[in-house]
Structures are given as structure tokens and as C-alpha cells.
Amino acid sequence: MTDTHRTILTFDYPDEERARRVERSLRPELGAIDGDRTTATLTRDGATLECTVTATDLVALRAGCNTWLTLTSVAEAAGECR
């Protein structure tokens, strides 16, 4: 990507195990849903999970953020069902 836009979505969890479970749920989606205009990366430091969404334009960035926020919300909800 030449001209890029980026946002970092930061999620703080009560403990490291919860962050790890959400990360494990999201990691398989990396690369699987990236398109020509967006990519995403995940990093975790203890109980904090960061998702960096990078896009070639602002419309793609918004769509990418919506996708990853939705995926994270589903992963969090699924983790509460345990």
C-alpha cells in the first residue's frame, strides 16, 4: 500500500487469560478477511490487545474497523458464555 491510513483499536481486559482467549479467537481471521485495500495485525501485551487496521483509503479503513470491532465483540460475547 502506498498512501495508507491506520488506526489502532485497543482493548483492555480484566486479566491476561481473557485477552489471550479473545486473541486466539481473532487470530485465524488475520489474512483470511484482508482485501486489496485493508490489512490488520494483532498484538497482545498482558491484558491489552491491539488490533491495527491499515487501509489505502478512508472508506476501506472505516469498513476494516467495523469488521474488526464486530469480530472482537463476537469473540468477547462467546467468551462470556463459558
C-alpha atoms as a PDB file:
ATOM      1  CA  MET A   1       0.000   0.000   0.000  1.00  0.00           C
ATOM      2  CA  THR A   2       1.398   3.390  -0.891  1.00  0.00           C
ATOM      3  CA  ASP A   3      -0.770   6.068   0.718  1.00  0.00           C
ATOM      4  CA  THR A   4      -2.081   4.468   3.862  1.00  0.00           C
ATOM      5  CA  HIS A   5      -4.364   5.294   6.702  1.00  0.00           C
ATOM      6  CA  ARG A   6      -4.153   3.482  10.002  1.00  0.00           C
ATOM      7  CA  THR A   7      -5.990   3.141  13.271  1.00  0.00           C
ATOM      8  CA  ILE A   8      -5.173   1.164  16.384  1.00  0.00           C
ATOM      9  CA  LEU A   9      -8.057  -0.397  18.288  1.00  0.00           C
ATOM     10  CA  THR A  10      -7.041  -1.061  21.895  1.00  0.00           C
ATOM     11  CA  PHE A  11      -8.953  -3.474  24.113  1.00  0.00           C
ATOM     12  CA  ASP A  12      -8.130  -3.737  27.835  1.00  0.00           C
ATOM     13  CA  TYR A  13      -9.369  -6.842  29.633  1.00  0.00           C
ATOM     14  CA  PRO A  14      -9.651  -7.633  33.341  1.00  0.00           C
ATOM     15  CA  ASP A  15      -6.915 -10.266  33.071  1.00  0.00           C
ATOM     16  CA  GLU A  16      -4.367 -11.763  30.704  1.00  0.00           C
ATOM     17  CA  GLU A  17      -6.314 -15.000  30.202  1.00  0.00           C
ATOM     18  CA  ARG A  18      -9.366 -13.142  28.874  1.00  0.00           C
ATOM     19  CA  ALA A  19      -7.195 -11.152  26.453  1.00  0.00           C
ATOM     20  CA  ARG A  20      -5.491 -14.364  25.346  1.00  0.00           C
ATOM     21  CA  ARG A  21      -8.849 -16.051  24.624  1.00  0.00           C
ATOM     22  CA  VAL A  22     -10.055 -13.131  22.518  1.00  0.00           C
ATOM     23  CA  GLU A  23      -6.725 -13.011  20.682  1.00  0.00           C
ATOM     24  CA  ARG A  24      -6.892 -16.742  19.913  1.00  0.00           C
ATOM     25  CA  SER A  25     -10.413 -16.286  18.569  1.00  0.00           C
ATOM     26  CA  LEU A  26      -9.387 -13.418  16.291  1.00  0.00           C
ATOM     27  CA  ARG A  27      -6.002 -14.634  15.047  1.00  0.00           C
ATOM     28  CA  PRO A  28      -7.382 -17.109  12.435  1.00  0.00           C
ATOM     29  CA  GLU A  29      -9.174 -14.196  10.758  1.00  0.00           C
ATOM     30  CA  LEU A  30      -5.903 -12.386  10.010  1.00  0.00           C
ATOM     31  CA  GLY A  31      -5.213 -12.671   6.318  1.00  0.00           C
ATOM     32  CA  ALA A  32      -8.469 -14.521   5.740  1.00  0.00           C
ATOM     33  CA  ILE A  33     -10.561 -11.368   5.509  1.00  0.00           C
ATOM     34  CA  ASP A  34      -7.952  -8.867   4.350  1.00  0.00           C
ATOM     35  CA  GLY A  35      -8.686  -7.422   0.948  1.00  0.00           C
ATOM     36  CA  ASP A  36      -6.798  -5.409  -1.621  1.00  0.00           C
ATOM     37  CA  ARG A  37      -7.408  -2.245   0.379  1.00  0.00           C
ATOM     38  CA  THR A  38      -7.101  -3.288   4.038  1.00  0.00           C
ATOM     39  CA  THR A  39      -4.906  -5.354   6.321  1.00  0.00           C
ATOM     40  CA  ALA A  40      -4.900  -5.972  10.046  1.00  0.00           C
ATOM     41  CA  THR A  41      -2.427  -7.111  12.684  1.00  0.00           C
ATOM     42  CA  LEU A  42      -2.894  -8.210  16.283  1.00  0.00           C
ATOM     43  CA  THR A  43      -0.552  -7.746  19.217  1.00  0.00           C
ATOM     44  CA  ARG A  44      -1.106  -8.560  22.866  1.00  0.00           C
ATOM     45  CA  ASP A  45       0.762  -7.325  25.908  1.00  0.00           C
ATOM     46  CA  GLY A  46      -0.614  -8.952  29.025  1.00  0.00           C
ATOM     47  CA  ALA A  47      -4.269  -7.993  29.364  1.00  0.00           C
ATOM     48  CA  THR A  48      -4.177  -5.477  26.492  1.00  0.00           C
ATOM     49  CA  LEU A  49      -4.974  -6.487  22.929  1.00  0.00           C
ATOM     50  CA  GLU A  50      -4.301  -4.166  19.993  1.00  0.00           C
ATOM     51  CA  CYS A  51      -5.673  -4.518  16.501  1.00  0.00           C
ATOM     52  CA  THR A  52      -4.018  -2.284  13.917  1.00  0.00           C
ATOM     53  CA  VAL A  53      -6.077  -1.741  10.783  1.00  0.00           C
ATOM     54  CA  THR A  54      -4.295  -0.267   7.762  1.00  0.00           C
ATOM     55  CA  ALA A  55      -6.067   0.793   4.564  1.00  0.00           C
ATOM     56  CA  THR A  56      -5.428   2.540   1.284  1.00  0.00           C
ATOM     57  CA  ASP A  57      -8.353   4.946   1.737  1.00  0.00           C
ATOM     58  CA  LEU A  58     -10.668   6.188   4.458  1.00  0.00           C
ATOM     59  CA  VAL A  59     -13.711   4.235   3.247  1.00  0.00           C
ATOM     60  CA  ALA A  60     -11.735   0.990   3.441  1.00  0.00           C
ATOM     61  CA  LEU A  61     -10.382   1.996   6.856  1.00  0.00           C
ATOM     62  CA  ARG A  62     -13.897   2.526   8.195  1.00  0.00           C
ATOM     63  CA  ALA A  63     -15.038  -0.816   6.792  1.00  0.00           C
ATOM     64  CA  GLY A  64     -11.985  -2.569   8.241  1.00  0.00           C
ATOM     65  CA  CYS A  65     -12.542  -1.015  11.666  1.00  0.00           C
ATOM     66  CA  ASN A  66     -16.202  -2.044  11.616  1.00  0.00           C
ATOM     67  CA  THR A  67     -15.229  -5.592  10.695  1.00  0.00           C
ATOM     68  CA  TRP A  68     -12.645  -5.945  13.477  1.00  0.00           C
ATOM     69  CA  LEU A  69     -14.845  -4.278  16.086  1.00  0.00           C
ATOM     70  CA  THR A  70     -17.636  -6.720  15.222  1.00  0.00           C
ATOM     71  CA  LEU A  71     -15.311  -9.741  15.293  1.00  0.00           C
ATOM     72  CA  THR A  72     -13.935  -8.631  18.658  1.00  0.00           C
ATOM     73  CA  SER A  73     -17.419  -8.126  20.063  1.00  0.00           C
ATOM     74  CA  VAL A  74     -18.434 -11.634  18.984  1.00  0.00           C
ATOM     75  CA  ALA A  75     -15.252 -13.126  20.486  1.00  0.00           C
ATOM     76  CA  GLU A  76     -15.892 -11.321  23.768  1.00  0.00           C
ATOM     77  CA  ALA A  77     -19.521 -12.450  23.901  1.00  0.00           C
ATOM     78  CA  ALA A  78     -18.570 -16.046  23.124  1.00  0.00           C
ATOM     79  CA  GLY A  79     -16.005 -15.959  25.922  1.00  0.00           C
ATOM     80  CA  GLU A  80     -18.690 -14.882  28.393  1.00  0.00           C
ATOM     81  CA  CYS A  81     -20.726 -17.998  27.617  1.00  0.00           C
ATOM     82  CA  ARG A  82     -18.109 -20.291  29.169  1.00  0.00           C
END
